[in-house]
Amino acid sequence: MAPVLDARNLRRSYGATVALDGIDLTVEAGRIVGLTARTARARAPPCRPSWA
């Protein structure tokens, strides 16, 4: 089954601070995925959504 989400080599930085570096994420159809973080600050989106 083809993935509904396939992201490769994601990188996100805030100035000199690198938050994500080289993250790959694949989600198959019918799966539920949750991403968690220790702090509210760490929950910033790793990339800008297409609707933003």
N, C-alpha and C. Protein backbone atom coordinates (compact mmCIF):
# COMPACT_ATOMS: atom_id res chain seq x y z
N MET A 1 0.85 -1.19 0.00
CA MET A 1 0.00 0.00 0.00
C MET A 1 0.90 1.25 0.00
N ALA A 2 0.56 2.22 -0.79
CA ALA A 2 1.34 3.45 -0.90
C ALA A 2 1.18 4.31 0.34
N PRO A 3 2.24 4.98 0.77
CA PRO A 3 2.13 5.86 1.93
C PRO A 3 1.28 7.10 1.62
N VAL A 4 0.57 7.59 2.64
CA VAL A 4 -0.18 8.84 2.49
C VAL A 4 0.68 10.03 2.87
N LEU A 5 1.77 9.76 3.58
CA LEU A 5 2.75 10.79 3.93
C LEU A 5 4.13 10.18 3.84
N ASP A 6 5.01 10.82 3.10
CA ASP A 6 6.38 10.34 2.96
C ASP A 6 7.29 11.55 2.95
N ALA A 7 7.94 11.81 4.07
CA ALA A 7 8.83 12.97 4.21
C ALA A 7 10.25 12.46 4.46
N ARG A 8 11.19 12.99 3.74
CA ARG A 8 12.57 12.54 3.84
C ARG A 8 13.50 13.70 4.17
N ASN A 9 14.45 13.41 5.06
CA ASN A 9 15.53 14.33 5.40
C ASN A 9 15.01 15.70 5.88
N LEU A 10 14.00 15.68 6.76
CA LEU A 10 13.47 16.94 7.30
C LEU A 10 14.52 17.62 8.16
N ARG A 11 14.58 18.93 8.04
CA ARG A 11 15.50 19.72 8.86
C ARG A 11 14.78 20.98 9.27
N ARG A 12 14.90 21.33 10.54
CA ARG A 12 14.29 22.56 11.05
C ARG A 12 15.27 23.18 12.04
N SER A 13 15.52 24.48 11.86
CA SER A 13 16.41 25.17 12.79
C SER A 13 15.79 26.50 13.17
N TYR A 14 16.18 26.96 14.33
CA TYR A 14 15.75 28.25 14.87
C TYR A 14 17.02 29.04 15.13
N GLY A 15 17.40 29.86 14.17
CA GLY A 15 18.68 30.55 14.28
C GLY A 15 19.80 29.53 14.22
N ALA A 16 20.67 29.53 15.22
CA ALA A 16 21.79 28.59 15.25
C ALA A 16 21.40 27.25 15.88
N THR A 17 20.19 27.15 16.44
CA THR A 17 19.76 25.92 17.11
C THR A 17 19.06 25.00 16.11
N VAL A 18 19.59 23.81 15.94
CA VAL A 18 19.00 22.81 15.04
C VAL A 18 18.05 21.94 15.86
N ALA A 19 16.76 21.95 15.50
CA ALA A 19 15.76 21.17 16.22
C ALA A 19 15.57 19.79 15.60
N LEU A 20 15.58 19.70 14.28
CA LEU A 20 15.47 18.43 13.56
C LEU A 20 16.57 18.39 12.52
N ASP A 21 17.16 17.22 12.35
CA ASP A 21 18.21 17.10 11.35
C ASP A 21 18.19 15.69 10.77
N GLY A 22 17.67 15.57 9.55
CA GLY A 22 17.69 14.29 8.87
C GLY A 22 16.59 13.33 9.29
N ILE A 23 15.42 13.84 9.67
CA ILE A 23 14.31 12.99 10.09
C ILE A 23 13.54 12.49 8.87
N ASP A 24 13.28 11.18 8.85
CA ASP A 24 12.44 10.56 7.81
C ASP A 24 11.15 10.10 8.46
N LEU A 25 10.02 10.31 7.78
CA LEU A 25 8.72 9.90 8.31
C LEU A 25 7.86 9.38 7.17
N THR A 26 7.38 8.14 7.33
CA THR A 26 6.47 7.53 6.37
C THR A 26 5.24 7.04 7.12
N VAL A 27 4.06 7.41 6.65
CA VAL A 27 2.80 6.98 7.27
C VAL A 27 1.98 6.26 6.22
N GLU A 28 1.63 5.02 6.52
CA GLU A 28 0.81 4.21 5.61
C GLU A 28 -0.67 4.55 5.81
N ALA A 29 -1.46 4.33 4.81
CA ALA A 29 -2.91 4.55 4.89
C ALA A 29 -3.50 3.70 6.01
N GLY A 30 -4.41 4.29 6.79
CA GLY A 30 -5.07 3.57 7.87
C GLY A 30 -4.33 3.61 9.19
N ARG A 31 -3.16 4.22 9.25
CA ARG A 31 -2.37 4.32 10.48
C ARG A 31 -2.64 5.66 11.17
N ILE A 32 -2.56 5.64 12.47
CA ILE A 32 -2.66 6.87 13.26
C ILE A 32 -1.29 7.10 13.90
N VAL A 33 -0.76 8.29 13.71
CA VAL A 33 0.57 8.61 14.21
C VAL A 33 0.48 9.84 15.10
N GLY A 34 1.11 9.78 16.25
CA GLY A 34 1.18 10.94 17.15
C GLY A 34 2.63 11.29 17.42
N LEU A 35 2.94 12.55 17.34
CA LEU A 35 4.28 13.03 17.66
C LEU A 35 4.20 13.80 18.96
N THR A 36 5.07 13.49 19.89
CA THR A 36 5.03 14.15 21.19
C THR A 36 6.36 14.84 21.46
N ALA A 37 6.32 15.77 22.38
CA ALA A 37 7.52 16.49 22.79
C ALA A 37 7.46 16.75 24.29
N ARG A 38 8.59 17.00 24.88
CA ARG A 38 8.65 17.24 26.32
C ARG A 38 8.09 18.61 26.71
N THR A 39 8.27 19.60 25.85
CA THR A 39 7.84 20.95 26.19
C THR A 39 6.96 21.52 25.09
N ALA A 40 6.19 22.52 25.42
CA ALA A 40 5.34 23.18 24.43
C ALA A 40 6.20 23.82 23.34
N ARG A 41 7.33 24.36 23.69
CA ARG A 41 8.20 25.01 22.72
C ARG A 41 8.67 24.01 21.65
N ALA A 42 8.87 22.77 22.04
CA ALA A 42 9.35 21.75 21.11
C ALA A 42 8.25 21.27 20.17
N ARG A 43 7.01 21.70 20.37
CA ARG A 43 5.91 21.25 19.52
C ARG A 43 5.69 22.12 18.29
N ALA A 44 6.59 23.02 18.01
CA ALA A 44 6.48 23.83 16.81
C ALA A 44 6.54 22.91 15.59
N PRO A 45 5.79 23.19 14.55
CA PRO A 45 5.80 22.30 13.39
C PRO A 45 7.17 22.22 12.75
N PRO A 46 7.60 21.01 12.32
CA PRO A 46 8.91 20.87 11.69
C PRO A 46 8.96 21.51 10.30
N CYS A 47 7.81 21.75 9.71
CA CYS A 47 7.77 22.39 8.41
C CYS A 47 6.45 23.16 8.28
N ARG A 48 6.39 24.07 7.38
CA ARG A 48 5.18 24.88 7.20
C ARG A 48 4.13 24.07 6.44
N PRO A 49 2.94 23.92 7.02
CA PRO A 49 1.88 23.19 6.31
C PRO A 49 1.49 23.90 5.02
N SER A 50 1.00 23.16 4.05
CA SER A 50 0.67 23.76 2.76
C SER A 50 -0.49 24.75 2.85
N TRP A 51 -1.32 24.65 3.90
CA TRP A 51 -2.46 25.56 4.03
C TRP A 51 -2.12 26.83 4.81
N ALA A 52 -0.87 26.93 5.31
CA ALA A 52 -0.49 28.12 6.10
C ALA A 52 -0.08 29.27 5.21
